[in-house]
Amino acid sequence: MSIALVTLLVRDYDEAIAFFTQALRFALVEDTPLGDGKRWVVVAPAQGGGTSLLLAQAADAEQEAAVGRQAGGRVFLFLHTADFAADYAHMVAHGVQFLEQPRHEPYGTVAVFADLYGNKWDLLQPK
């Protein structure tokens, strides 16, 4: 078994697609209308491998309240890279908010960033 998709609540499909495909250079894997304004939207790191994200537009007040806080303020997702410096520079140039300066840890080079809704991620180049 493997985890294929993780649902990420978003406020708007199109702004989320733009963020992930431009700022993070993810690929848009699927965008299928489901009726009544709902869509099946999947994005994934362009290099392939790993888990994809199902972008799910919040449908009610409870879901809207969880947008940006899916991990209760902790780091939610870990984005591995083979070239930290290049990806960090690209993300900064595209307005991604890093919450700290890059640091070197025993497990690799890492910096925490926030996605467009405030969920925290680690950009990590493992050793």
C-alpha atoms as a PDB file:
ATOM      1  CA  MET A   1       0.000   0.000   0.000  1.00  0.00           C
ATOM      2  CA  SER A   2       0.938   3.637  -0.391  1.00  0.00           C
ATOM      3  CA  ILE A   3      -0.694   6.974   0.294  1.00  0.00           C
ATOM      4  CA  ALA A   4      -1.741   8.297  -3.102  1.00  0.00           C
ATOM      5  CA  LEU A   5      -3.541  11.546  -2.234  1.00  0.00           C
ATOM      6  CA  VAL A   6      -3.762  13.960   0.675  1.00  0.00           C
ATOM      7  CA  THR A   7      -6.708  16.360   0.716  1.00  0.00           C
ATOM      8  CA  LEU A   8      -5.770  20.017   1.112  1.00  0.00           C
ATOM      9  CA  LEU A   9      -8.652  22.376   1.821  1.00  0.00           C
ATOM     10  CA  VAL A  10      -8.497  25.561  -0.281  1.00  0.00           C
ATOM     11  CA  ARG A  11     -10.638  28.677  -0.606  1.00  0.00           C
ATOM     12  CA  ASP A  12     -10.599  28.747  -4.392  1.00  0.00           C
ATOM     13  CA  TYR A  13      -9.584  26.101  -6.917  1.00  0.00           C
ATOM     14  CA  ASP A  14      -8.023  28.465  -9.435  1.00  0.00           C
ATOM     15  CA  GLU A  15      -5.902  30.480  -6.981  1.00  0.00           C
ATOM     16  CA  ALA A  16      -4.654  27.229  -5.430  1.00  0.00           C
ATOM     17  CA  ILE A  17      -3.795  25.778  -8.854  1.00  0.00           C
ATOM     18  CA  ALA A  18      -1.892  28.973  -9.712  1.00  0.00           C
ATOM     19  CA  PHE A  19       0.094  28.863  -6.459  1.00  0.00           C
ATOM     20  CA  PHE A  20       1.053  25.221  -6.733  1.00  0.00           C
ATOM     21  CA  THR A  21       1.882  25.246 -10.442  1.00  0.00           C
ATOM     22  CA  GLN A  22       3.725  28.569 -10.485  1.00  0.00           C
ATOM     23  CA  ALA A  23       5.318  29.124  -7.070  1.00  0.00           C
ATOM     24  CA  LEU A  24       6.022  25.449  -6.301  1.00  0.00           C
ATOM     25  CA  ARG A  25       6.305  24.224  -9.911  1.00  0.00           C
ATOM     26  CA  PHE A  26       3.879  21.345  -9.341  1.00  0.00           C
ATOM     27  CA  ALA A  27       2.124  19.727 -12.279  1.00  0.00           C
ATOM     28  CA  LEU A  28      -1.634  19.915 -12.654  1.00  0.00           C
ATOM     29  CA  VAL A  29      -2.428  16.199 -12.878  1.00  0.00           C
ATOM     30  CA  GLU A  30      -6.210  16.441 -13.163  1.00  0.00           C
ATOM     31  CA  ASP A  31      -8.963  19.045 -13.137  1.00  0.00           C
ATOM     32  CA  THR A  32     -12.321  17.383 -13.701  1.00  0.00           C
ATOM     33  CA  PRO A  33     -15.665  19.153 -13.165  1.00  0.00           C
ATOM     34  CA  LEU A  34     -18.015  17.180 -10.894  1.00  0.00           C
ATOM     35  CA  GLY A  35     -21.082  19.425 -11.155  1.00  0.00           C
ATOM     36  CA  ASP A  36     -22.494  22.047  -8.809  1.00  0.00           C
ATOM     37  CA  GLY A  37     -19.179  23.942  -8.899  1.00  0.00           C
ATOM     38  CA  LYS A  38     -17.192  21.024  -7.459  1.00  0.00           C
ATOM     39  CA  ARG A  39     -14.035  19.811  -9.174  1.00  0.00           C
ATOM     40  CA  TRP A  40     -11.582  16.943  -8.742  1.00  0.00           C
ATOM     41  CA  VAL A  41      -8.268  18.831  -8.779  1.00  0.00           C
ATOM     42  CA  VAL A  42      -4.994  16.976  -8.291  1.00  0.00           C
ATOM     43  CA  VAL A  43      -1.523  18.541  -8.243  1.00  0.00           C
ATOM     44  CA  ALA A  44       1.827  16.841  -7.681  1.00  0.00           C
ATOM     45  CA  PRO A  45       5.515  17.683  -7.764  1.00  0.00           C
ATOM     46  CA  ALA A  46       6.468  17.860 -11.435  1.00  0.00           C
ATOM     47  CA  GLN A  47       9.331  15.399 -11.046  1.00  0.00           C
ATOM     48  CA  GLY A  48       6.870  12.678 -10.071  1.00  0.00           C
ATOM     49  CA  GLY A  49       6.974  10.231  -7.237  1.00  0.00           C
ATOM     50  CA  GLY A  50       5.513  10.650  -3.817  1.00  0.00           C
ATOM     51  CA  THR A  51       2.049  11.706  -2.793  1.00  0.00           C
ATOM     52  CA  SER A  52      -0.230  14.019  -4.759  1.00  0.00           C
ATOM     53  CA  LEU A  53      -2.531  16.683  -3.331  1.00  0.00           C
ATOM     54  CA  LEU A  54      -6.275  16.724  -3.885  1.00  0.00           C
ATOM     55  CA  LEU A  55      -7.240  20.412  -3.757  1.00  0.00           C
ATOM     56  CA  ALA A  56     -10.696  20.533  -2.206  1.00  0.00           C
ATOM     57  CA  GLN A  57     -12.558  23.827  -2.131  1.00  0.00           C
ATOM     58  CA  ALA A  58     -14.115  24.406   1.288  1.00  0.00           C
ATOM     59  CA  ALA A  59     -17.842  23.742   1.034  1.00  0.00           C
ATOM     60  CA  ASP A  60     -19.155  25.021   4.370  1.00  0.00           C
ATOM     61  CA  ALA A  61     -18.220  27.130   7.398  1.00  0.00           C
ATOM     62  CA  GLU A  62     -16.546  24.247   9.226  1.00  0.00           C
ATOM     63  CA  GLN A  63     -14.285  23.460   6.273  1.00  0.00           C
ATOM     64  CA  GLU A  64     -13.598  27.158   5.653  1.00  0.00           C
ATOM     65  CA  ALA A  65     -12.408  27.490   9.269  1.00  0.00           C
ATOM     66  CA  ALA A  66      -9.877  24.676   8.690  1.00  0.00           C
ATOM     67  CA  VAL A  67      -8.328  26.240   5.567  1.00  0.00           C
ATOM     68  CA  GLY A  68      -4.731  27.080   6.420  1.00  0.00           C
ATOM     69  CA  ARG A  69      -4.814  25.251   9.742  1.00  0.00           C
ATOM     70  CA  GLN A  70      -4.996  21.639   8.708  1.00  0.00           C
ATOM     71  CA  ALA A  71      -2.217  20.677  11.122  1.00  0.00           C
ATOM     72  CA  GLY A  72      -3.208  23.003  13.963  1.00  0.00           C
ATOM     73  CA  GLY A  73      -0.316  25.381  13.295  1.00  0.00           C
ATOM     74  CA  ARG A  74       2.401  22.720  13.035  1.00  0.00           C
ATOM     75  CA  VAL A  75       4.361  21.854   9.901  1.00  0.00           C
ATOM     76  CA  PHE A  76       1.876  19.926   7.789  1.00  0.00           C
ATOM     77  CA  LEU A  77       3.740  18.735   4.697  1.00  0.00           C
ATOM     78  CA  PHE A  78       7.369  18.075   3.782  1.00  0.00           C
ATOM     79  CA  LEU A  79       8.529  18.962   0.276  1.00  0.00           C
ATOM     80  CA  HIS A  80      11.787  17.193  -0.588  1.00  0.00           C
ATOM     81  CA  THR A  81      14.144  18.711  -3.130  1.00  0.00           C
ATOM     82  CA  ALA A  82      17.403  17.684  -4.759  1.00  0.00           C
ATOM     83  CA  ASP A  83      18.448  21.349  -5.208  1.00  0.00           C
ATOM     84  CA  PHE A  84      17.493  23.407  -2.181  1.00  0.00           C
ATOM     85  CA  ALA A  85      19.196  26.626  -3.354  1.00  0.00           C
ATOM     86  CA  ALA A  86      17.474  26.674  -6.757  1.00  0.00           C
ATOM     87  CA  ASP A  87      14.033  25.791  -5.431  1.00  0.00           C
ATOM     88  CA  TYR A  88      14.332  28.245  -2.528  1.00  0.00           C
ATOM     89  CA  ALA A  89      15.329  31.060  -4.935  1.00  0.00           C
ATOM     90  CA  HIS A  90      12.447  30.231  -7.301  1.00  0.00           C
ATOM     91  CA  MET A  91       9.927  30.159  -4.474  1.00  0.00           C
ATOM     92  CA  VAL A  92      11.140  33.461  -3.000  1.00  0.00           C
ATOM     93  CA  ALA A  93      10.977  35.052  -6.469  1.00  0.00           C
ATOM     94  CA  HIS A  94       7.356  33.891  -6.729  1.00  0.00           C
ATOM     95  CA  GLY A  95       6.309  35.409  -3.411  1.00  0.00           C
ATOM     96  CA  VAL A  96       6.395  32.335  -1.179  1.00  0.00           C
ATOM     97  CA  GLN A  97       6.647  33.421   2.463  1.00  0.00           C
ATOM     98  CA  PHE A  98       9.465  31.680   4.298  1.00  0.00           C
ATOM     99  CA  LEU A  99       9.050  31.802   8.056  1.00  0.00           C
ATOM    100  CA  GLU A 100      12.751  31.328   8.766  1.00  0.00           C
ATOM    101  CA  GLN A 101      16.123  31.429   7.081  1.00  0.00           C
ATOM    102  CA  PRO A 102      17.454  28.176   5.624  1.00  0.00           C
ATOM    103  CA  ARG A 103      19.300  26.104   8.190  1.00  0.00           C
ATOM    104  CA  HIS A 104      21.526  23.067   8.116  1.00  0.00           C
ATOM    105  CA  GLU A 105      20.452  20.174  10.302  1.00  0.00           C
ATOM    106  CA  PRO A 106      21.936  16.687  10.696  1.00  0.00           C
ATOM    107  CA  TYR A 107      19.194  15.383   8.377  1.00  0.00           C
ATOM    108  CA  GLY A 108      19.627  18.063   5.663  1.00  0.00           C
ATOM    109  CA  THR A 109      19.017  21.670   4.635  1.00  0.00           C
ATOM    110  CA  VAL A 110      15.579  22.949   5.607  1.00  0.00           C
ATOM    111  CA  ALA A 111      13.389  26.056   5.842  1.00  0.00           C
ATOM    112  CA  VAL A 112       9.746  26.387   6.878  1.00  0.00           C
ATOM    113  CA  PHE A 113       7.412  28.208   4.493  1.00  0.00           C
ATOM    114  CA  ALA A 114       3.697  28.961   4.411  1.00  0.00           C
ATOM    115  CA  ASP A 115       1.476  28.125   1.474  1.00  0.00           C
ATOM    116  CA  LEU A 116      -1.022  30.702   0.218  1.00  0.00           C
ATOM    117  CA  TYR A 117      -3.413  29.846   3.064  1.00  0.00           C
ATOM    118  CA  GLY A 118      -0.889  29.675   5.891  1.00  0.00           C
ATOM    119  CA  ASN A 119      -0.319  25.918   6.164  1.00  0.00           C
ATOM    120  CA  LYS A 120       3.289  25.334   7.176  1.00  0.00           C
ATOM    121  CA  TRP A 121       5.584  23.216   5.030  1.00  0.00           C
ATOM    122  CA  ASP A 122       9.232  22.202   5.219  1.00  0.00           C
ATOM    123  CA  LEU A 123      11.323  22.647   2.092  1.00  0.00           C
ATOM    124  CA  LEU A 124      13.934  19.977   2.726  1.00  0.00           C
ATOM    125  CA  GLN A 125      16.979  18.701   0.912  1.00  0.00           C
ATOM    126  CA  PRO A 126      17.826  15.474   2.747  1.00  0.00           C
ATOM    127  CA  LYS A 127      21.460  14.537   3.286  1.00  0.00           C
END
